[in-house]
Amino acid sequence: MADKADKVKKPNAVQKWWRETIGELRKVVWPTRKEALRLTWIVIVVIVIMGAVLGLLDFGFTKLISLVVGSV
């Protein structure tokens, strides 16, 4: 009988994870709609600029390689 009284029921690992996750989400400071839209536009602009830069680099290296291989 003493063994059963000494054992403390541990919470399920999934239940513990869920409780901790909910607790952390309550601490989050969510951005306002205005902040979210502004940051979204920044991300889109950076993606477009990086896409253009990488496209130009790809085009330049393609032309360079074709000149080197074509002249041999």
PDB file of N, CA and C in Angstrom:
ATOM      1  N   MET A   1       0.813  -1.186   0.000  1.00  0.00           N
ATOM      2  CA  MET A   1       0.000   0.000   0.000  1.00  0.00           C
ATOM      3  C   MET A   1       0.860   1.256   0.000  1.00  0.00           C
ATOM      4  N   ALA A   2       1.978   1.226   0.697  1.00  0.00           N
ATOM      5  CA  ALA A   2       2.825   2.409   0.791  1.00  0.00           C
ATOM      6  C   ALA A   2       3.394   2.768  -0.573  1.00  0.00           C
ATOM      7  N   ASP A   3       3.613   1.748  -1.404  1.00  0.00           N
ATOM      8  CA  ASP A   3       4.159   2.012  -2.728  1.00  0.00           C
ATOM      9  C   ASP A   3       3.190   2.842  -3.571  1.00  0.00           C
ATOM     10  N   LYS A   4       1.917   2.534  -3.480  1.00  0.00           N
ATOM     11  CA  LYS A   4       0.924   3.274  -4.255  1.00  0.00           C
ATOM     12  C   LYS A   4       0.807   4.716  -3.770  1.00  0.00           C
ATOM     13  N   ALA A   5       0.932   4.949  -2.476  1.00  0.00           N
ATOM     14  CA  ALA A   5       0.818   6.302  -1.930  1.00  0.00           C
ATOM     15  C   ALA A   5       2.046   7.136  -2.273  1.00  0.00           C
ATOM     16  N   ASP A   6       3.211   6.481  -2.399  1.00  0.00           N
ATOM     17  CA  ASP A   6       4.440   7.198  -2.721  1.00  0.00           C
ATOM     18  C   ASP A   6       4.479   7.631  -4.184  1.00  0.00           C
ATOM     19  N   LYS A   7       3.803   6.880  -5.014  1.00  0.00           N
ATOM     20  CA  LYS A   7       3.817   7.204  -6.443  1.00  0.00           C
ATOM     21  C   LYS A   7       2.912   8.403  -6.696  1.00  0.00           C
ATOM     22  N   VAL A   8       3.482   9.409  -7.327  1.00  0.00           N
ATOM     23  CA  VAL A   8       2.709  10.585  -7.704  1.00  0.00           C
ATOM     24  C   VAL A   8       2.435  10.462  -9.191  1.00  0.00           C
ATOM     25  N   LYS A   9       1.183  10.635  -9.553  1.00  0.00           N
ATOM     26  CA  LYS A   9       0.810  10.479 -10.950  1.00  0.00           C
ATOM     27  C   LYS A   9       1.434  11.615 -11.764  1.00  0.00           C
ATOM     28  N   LYS A  10       2.259  11.255 -12.737  1.00  0.00           N
ATOM     29  CA  LYS A  10       2.894  12.235 -13.597  1.00  0.00           C
ATOM     30  C   LYS A  10       1.959  12.540 -14.762  1.00  0.00           C
ATOM     31  N   PRO A  11       1.922  13.781 -15.189  1.00  0.00           N
ATOM     32  CA  PRO A  11       1.072  14.107 -16.335  1.00  0.00           C
ATOM     33  C   PRO A  11       1.658  13.502 -17.612  1.00  0.00           C
ATOM     34  N   ASN A  12       0.786  13.224 -18.517  1.00  0.00           N
ATOM     35  CA  ASN A  12       1.180  12.693 -19.807  1.00  0.00           C
ATOM     36  C   ASN A  12       2.121  13.699 -20.476  1.00  0.00           C
ATOM     37  N   ALA A  13       3.095  13.219 -21.230  1.00  0.00           N
ATOM     38  CA  ALA A  13       4.063  14.100 -21.883  1.00  0.00           C
ATOM     39  C   ALA A  13       3.371  15.035 -22.876  1.00  0.00           C
ATOM     40  N   VAL A  14       2.383  14.544 -23.577  1.00  0.00           N
ATOM     41  CA  VAL A  14       1.666  15.370 -24.544  1.00  0.00           C
ATOM     42  C   VAL A  14       0.874  16.452 -23.825  1.00  0.00           C
ATOM     43  N   GLN A  15       0.240  16.106 -22.715  1.00  0.00           N
ATOM     44  CA  GLN A  15      -0.514  17.098 -21.948  1.00  0.00           C
ATOM     45  C   GLN A  15       0.417  18.183 -21.408  1.00  0.00           C
ATOM     46  N   LYS A  16       1.586  17.771 -20.931  1.00  0.00           N
ATOM     47  CA  LYS A  16       2.555  18.725 -20.410  1.00  0.00           C
ATOM     48  C   LYS A  16       3.020  19.653 -21.522  1.00  0.00           C
ATOM     49  N   TRP A  17       3.351  19.085 -22.670  1.00  0.00           N
ATOM     50  CA  TRP A  17       3.784  19.894 -23.810  1.00  0.00           C
ATOM     51  C   TRP A  17       2.698  20.881 -24.207  1.00  0.00           C
ATOM     52  N   TRP A  18       1.442  20.435 -24.266  1.00  0.00           N
ATOM     53  CA  TRP A  18       0.339  21.301 -24.672  1.00  0.00           C
ATOM     54  C   TRP A  18       0.160  22.461 -23.675  1.00  0.00           C
ATOM     55  N   ARG A  19       0.192  22.161 -22.394  1.00  0.00           N
ATOM     56  CA  ARG A  19       0.053  23.205 -21.373  1.00  0.00           C
ATOM     57  C   ARG A  19       1.175  24.227 -21.468  1.00  0.00           C
ATOM     58  N   GLU A  20       2.413  23.759 -21.654  1.00  0.00           N
ATOM     59  CA  GLU A  20       3.550  24.669 -21.770  1.00  0.00           C
ATOM     60  C   GLU A  20       3.451  25.508 -23.038  1.00  0.00           C
ATOM     61  N   THR A  21       2.984  24.911 -24.124  1.00  0.00           N
ATOM     62  CA  THR A  21       2.830  25.642 -25.385  1.00  0.00           C
ATOM     63  C   THR A  21       1.792  26.749 -25.242  1.00  0.00           C
ATOM     64  N   ILE A  22       0.662  26.433 -24.662  1.00  0.00           N
ATOM     65  CA  ILE A  22      -0.389  27.436 -24.452  1.00  0.00           C
ATOM     66  C   ILE A  22       0.134  28.551 -23.543  1.00  0.00           C
ATOM     67  N   GLY A  23       0.864  28.186 -22.513  1.00  0.00           N
ATOM     68  CA  GLY A  23       1.437  29.181 -21.612  1.00  0.00           C
ATOM     69  C   GLY A  23       2.390  30.124 -22.327  1.00  0.00           C
ATOM     70  N   GLU A  24       3.225  29.583 -23.221  1.00  0.00           N
ATOM     71  CA  GLU A  24       4.157  30.418 -23.976  1.00  0.00           C
ATOM     72  C   GLU A  24       3.419  31.312 -24.967  1.00  0.00           C
ATOM     73  N   LEU A  25       2.388  30.775 -25.608  1.00  0.00           N
ATOM     74  CA  LEU A  25       1.632  31.579 -26.572  1.00  0.00           C
ATOM     75  C   LEU A  25       0.920  32.749 -25.904  1.00  0.00           C
ATOM     76  N   ARG A  26       0.566  32.607 -24.650  1.00  0.00           N
ATOM     77  CA  ARG A  26      -0.076  33.713 -23.928  1.00  0.00           C
ATOM     78  C   ARG A  26       0.906  34.845 -23.640  1.00  0.00           C
ATOM     79  N   LYS A  27       2.205  34.539 -23.647  1.00  0.00           N
ATOM     80  CA  LYS A  27       3.228  35.553 -23.403  1.00  0.00           C
ATOM     81  C   LYS A  27       3.583  36.341 -24.667  1.00  0.00           C
ATOM     82  N   VAL A  28       3.194  35.841 -25.816  1.00  0.00           N
ATOM     83  CA  VAL A  28       3.571  36.459 -27.087  1.00  0.00           C
ATOM     84  C   VAL A  28       2.892  37.813 -27.243  1.00  0.00           C
ATOM     85  N   VAL A  29       3.669  38.786 -27.720  1.00  0.00           N
ATOM     86  CA  VAL A  29       3.110  40.093 -28.056  1.00  0.00           C
ATOM     87  C   VAL A  29       2.876  40.079 -29.565  1.00  0.00           C
ATOM     88  N   TRP A  30       1.630  39.968 -29.977  1.00  0.00           N
ATOM     89  CA  TRP A  30       1.298  39.862 -31.381  1.00  0.00           C
ATOM     90  C   TRP A  30       1.344  41.231 -32.041  1.00  0.00           C
ATOM     91  N   PRO A  31       1.820  41.310 -33.295  1.00  0.00           N
ATOM     92  CA  PRO A  31       1.880  42.603 -33.980  1.00  0.00           C
ATOM     93  C   PRO A  31       0.478  43.089 -34.341  1.00  0.00           C
ATOM     94  N   THR A  32       0.367  44.400 -34.469  1.00  0.00           N
ATOM     95  CA  THR A  32      -0.909  44.958 -34.916  1.00  0.00           C
ATOM     96  C   THR A  32      -1.057  44.669 -36.402  1.00  0.00           C
ATOM     97  N   ARG A  33      -2.256  44.881 -36.910  1.00  0.00           N
ATOM     98  CA  ARG A  33      -2.496  44.648 -38.341  1.00  0.00           C
ATOM     99  C   ARG A  33      -1.588  45.545 -39.183  1.00  0.00           C
ATOM    100  N   LYS A  34      -1.416  46.779 -38.761  1.00  0.00           N
ATOM    101  CA  LYS A  34      -0.569  47.733 -39.504  1.00  0.00           C
ATOM    102  C   LYS A  34       0.883  47.252 -39.528  1.00  0.00           C
ATOM    103  N   GLU A  35       1.388  46.812 -38.386  1.00  0.00           N
ATOM    104  CA  GLU A  35       2.766  46.306 -38.321  1.00  0.00           C
ATOM    105  C   GLU A  35       2.939  45.066 -39.188  1.00  0.00           C
ATOM    106  N   ALA A  36       1.964  44.164 -39.147  1.00  0.00           N
ATOM    107  CA  ALA A  36       2.050  42.933 -39.928  1.00  0.00           C
ATOM    108  C   ALA A  36       2.069  43.243 -41.425  1.00  0.00           C
ATOM    109  N   LEU A  37       1.225  44.179 -41.860  1.00  0.00           N
ATOM    110  CA  LEU A  37       1.203  44.544 -43.283  1.00  0.00           C
ATOM    111  C   LEU A  37       2.517  45.200 -43.700  1.00  0.00           C
ATOM    112  N   ARG A  38       3.045  46.078 -42.872  1.00  0.00           N
ATOM    113  CA  ARG A  38       4.307  46.751 -43.190  1.00  0.00           C
ATOM    114  C   ARG A  38       5.445  45.736 -43.305  1.00  0.00           C
ATOM    115  N   LEU A  39       5.522  44.822 -42.360  1.00  0.00           N
ATOM    116  CA  LEU A  39       6.582  43.806 -42.398  1.00  0.00           C
ATOM    117  C   LEU A  39       6.411  42.848 -43.575  1.00  0.00           C
ATOM    118  N   THR A  40       5.158  42.559 -43.933  1.00  0.00           N
ATOM    119  CA  THR A  40       4.899  41.695 -45.087  1.00  0.00           C
ATOM    120  C   THR A  40       5.398  42.360 -46.363  1.00  0.00           C
ATOM    121  N   TRP A  41       5.133  43.653 -46.506  1.00  0.00           N
ATOM    122  CA  TRP A  41       5.610  44.371 -47.693  1.00  0.00           C
ATOM    123  C   TRP A  41       7.131  44.406 -47.748  1.00  0.00           C
ATOM    124  N   ILE A  42       7.775  44.566 -46.599  1.00  0.00           N
ATOM    125  CA  ILE A  42       9.246  44.550 -46.570  1.00  0.00           C
ATOM    126  C   ILE A  42       9.771  43.212 -47.061  1.00  0.00           C
ATOM    127  N   VAL A  43       9.165  42.125 -46.603  1.00  0.00           N
ATOM    128  CA  VAL A  43       9.588  40.790 -47.023  1.00  0.00           C
ATOM    129  C   VAL A  43       9.388  40.613 -48.530  1.00  0.00           C
ATOM    130  N   ILE A  44       8.259  41.055 -49.055  1.00  0.00           N
ATOM    131  CA  ILE A  44       7.979  40.923 -50.492  1.00  0.00           C
ATOM    132  C   ILE A  44       8.991  41.715 -51.311  1.00  0.00           C
ATOM    133  N   VAL A  45       9.295  42.950 -50.881  1.00  0.00           N
ATOM    134  CA  VAL A  45      10.260  43.775 -51.606  1.00  0.00           C
ATOM    135  C   VAL A  45      11.640  43.125 -51.600  1.00  0.00           C
ATOM    136  N   VAL A  46      12.066  42.620 -50.455  1.00  0.00           N
ATOM    137  CA  VAL A  46      13.378  41.971 -50.368  1.00  0.00           C
ATOM    138  C   VAL A  46      13.424  40.735 -51.261  1.00  0.00           C
ATOM    139  N   ILE A  47      12.355  39.966 -51.299  1.00  0.00           N
ATOM    140  CA  ILE A  47      12.310  38.766 -52.147  1.00  0.00           C
ATOM    141  C   ILE A  47      12.423  39.146 -53.614  1.00  0.00           C
ATOM    142  N   VAL A  48      11.703  40.195 -54.026  1.00  0.00           N
ATOM    143  CA  VAL A  48      11.754  40.628 -55.431  1.00  0.00           C
ATOM    144  C   VAL A  48      13.158  41.117 -55.783  1.00  0.00           C
ATOM    145  N   ILE A  49      13.765  41.912 -54.905  1.00  0.00           N
ATOM    146  CA  ILE A  49      15.123  42.411 -55.167  1.00  0.00           C
ATOM    147  C   ILE A  49      16.124  41.259 -55.252  1.00  0.00           C
ATOM    148  N   MET A  50      16.044  40.326 -54.306  1.00  0.00           N
ATOM    149  CA  MET A  50      16.968  39.186 -54.326  1.00  0.00           C
ATOM    150  C   MET A  50      16.746  38.304 -55.550  1.00  0.00           C
ATOM    151  N   GLY A  51      15.488  38.149 -55.953  1.00  0.00           N
ATOM    152  CA  GLY A  51      15.203  37.383 -57.166  1.00  0.00           C
ATOM    153  C   GLY A  51      15.817  38.036 -58.387  1.00  0.00           C
ATOM    154  N   ALA A  52      15.719  39.368 -58.474  1.00  0.00           N
ATOM    155  CA  ALA A  52      16.311  40.093 -59.601  1.00  0.00           C
ATOM    156  C   ALA A  52      17.834  39.969 -59.597  1.00  0.00           C
ATOM    157  N   VAL A  53      18.440  40.134 -58.427  1.00  0.00           N
ATOM    158  CA  VAL A  53      19.898  40.026 -58.324  1.00  0.00           C
ATOM    159  C   VAL A  53      20.358  38.626 -58.724  1.00  0.00           C
ATOM    160  N   LEU A  54      19.705  37.605 -58.194  1.00  0.00           N
ATOM    161  CA  LEU A  54      20.100  36.234 -58.529  1.00  0.00           C
ATOM    162  C   LEU A  54      19.852  35.927 -60.004  1.00  0.00           C
ATOM    163  N   GLY A  55      18.759  36.454 -60.566  1.00  0.00           N
ATOM    164  CA  GLY A  55      18.482  36.264 -61.991  1.00  0.00           C
ATOM    165  C   GLY A  55      19.549  36.906 -62.858  1.00  0.00           C
ATOM    166  N   LEU A  56      19.966  38.125 -62.496  1.00  0.00           N
ATOM    167  CA  LEU A  56      21.026  38.798 -63.253  1.00  0.00           C
ATOM    168  C   LEU A  56      22.358  38.064 -63.129  1.00  0.00           C
ATOM    169  N   LEU A  57      22.671  37.596 -61.928  1.00  0.00           N
ATOM    170  CA  LEU A  57      23.902  36.809 -61.755  1.00  0.00           C
ATOM    171  C   LEU A  57      23.856  35.533 -62.590  1.00  0.00           C
ATOM    172  N   ASP A  58      22.731  34.858 -62.583  1.00  0.00           N
ATOM    173  CA  ASP A  58      22.576  33.635 -63.371  1.00  0.00           C
ATOM    174  C   ASP A  58      22.750  33.933 -64.856  1.00  0.00           C
ATOM    175  N   PHE A  59      22.123  35.007 -65.312  1.00  0.00           N
ATOM    176  CA  PHE A  59      22.235  35.395 -66.725  1.00  0.00           C
ATOM    177  C   PHE A  59      23.696  35.716 -67.074  1.00  0.00           C
ATOM    178  N   GLY A  60      24.357  36.489 -66.198  1.00  0.00           N
ATOM    179  CA  GLY A  60      25.757  36.854 -66.453  1.00  0.00           C
ATOM    180  C   GLY A  60      26.678  35.647 -66.475  1.00  0.00           C
ATOM    181  N   PHE A  61      26.538  34.760 -65.507  1.00  0.00           N
ATOM    182  CA  PHE A  61      27.390  33.572 -65.479  1.00  0.00           C
ATOM    183  C   PHE A  61      27.091  32.645 -66.658  1.00  0.00           C
ATOM    184  N   THR A  62      25.839  32.572 -67.084  1.00  0.00           N
ATOM    185  CA  THR A  62      25.486  31.754 -68.246  1.00  0.00           C
ATOM    186  C   THR A  62      26.180  32.282 -69.492  1.00  0.00           C
ATOM    187  N   LYS A  63      26.140  33.596 -69.674  1.00  0.00           N
ATOM    188  CA  LYS A  63      26.814  34.210 -70.827  1.00  0.00           C
ATOM    189  C   LYS A  63      28.322  34.006 -70.742  1.00  0.00           C
ATOM    190  N   LEU A  64      28.896  34.167 -69.554  1.00  0.00           N
ATOM    191  CA  LEU A  64      30.329  33.981 -69.370  1.00  0.00           C
ATOM    192  C   LEU A  64      30.743  32.550 -69.688  1.00  0.00           C
ATOM    193  N   ILE A  65      30.021  31.592 -69.197  1.00  0.00           N
ATOM    194  CA  ILE A  65      30.332  30.179 -69.444  1.00  0.00           C
ATOM    195  C   ILE A  65      30.190  29.871 -70.937  1.00  0.00           C
ATOM    196  N   SER A  66      29.155  30.406 -71.550  1.00  0.00           N
ATOM    197  CA  SER A  66      28.971  30.130 -72.977  1.00  0.00           C
ATOM    198  C   SER A  66      30.090  30.757 -73.806  1.00  0.00           C
ATOM    199  N   LEU A  67      30.612  31.893 -73.398  1.00  0.00           N
ATOM    200  CA  LEU A  67      31.766  32.491 -74.097  1.00  0.00           C
ATOM    201  C   LEU A  67      33.010  31.632 -73.929  1.00  0.00           C
ATOM    202  N   VAL A  68      33.234  31.152 -72.708  1.00  0.00           N
ATOM    203  CA  VAL A  68      34.440  30.341 -72.426  1.00  0.00           C
ATOM    204  C   VAL A  68      34.340  29.004 -73.167  1.00  0.00           C
ATOM    205  N   VAL A  69      33.203  28.350 -73.096  1.00  0.00           N
ATOM    206  CA  VAL A  69      33.043  27.036 -73.725  1.00  0.00           C
ATOM    207  C   VAL A  69      32.964  27.191 -75.234  1.00  0.00           C
ATOM    208  N   GLY A  70      32.310  28.247 -75.691  1.00  0.00           N
ATOM    209  CA  GLY A  70      32.148  28.458 -77.137  1.00  0.00           C
ATOM    210  C   GLY A  70      33.427  28.808 -77.838  1.00  0.00           C
ATOM    211  N   SER A  71      34.414  29.406 -77.135  1.00  0.00           N
ATOM    212  CA  SER A  71      35.665  29.819 -77.765  1.00  0.00           C
ATOM    213  C   SER A  71      36.672  28.706 -77.830  1.00  0.00           C
ATOM    214  N   VAL A  72      36.415  27.585 -77.171  1.00  0.00           N
ATOM    215  CA  VAL A  72      37.390  26.481 -77.134  1.00  0.00           C
ATOM    216  C   VAL A  72      37.319  25.657 -78.371  1.00  0.00           C
TER     217      VAL A  72
END
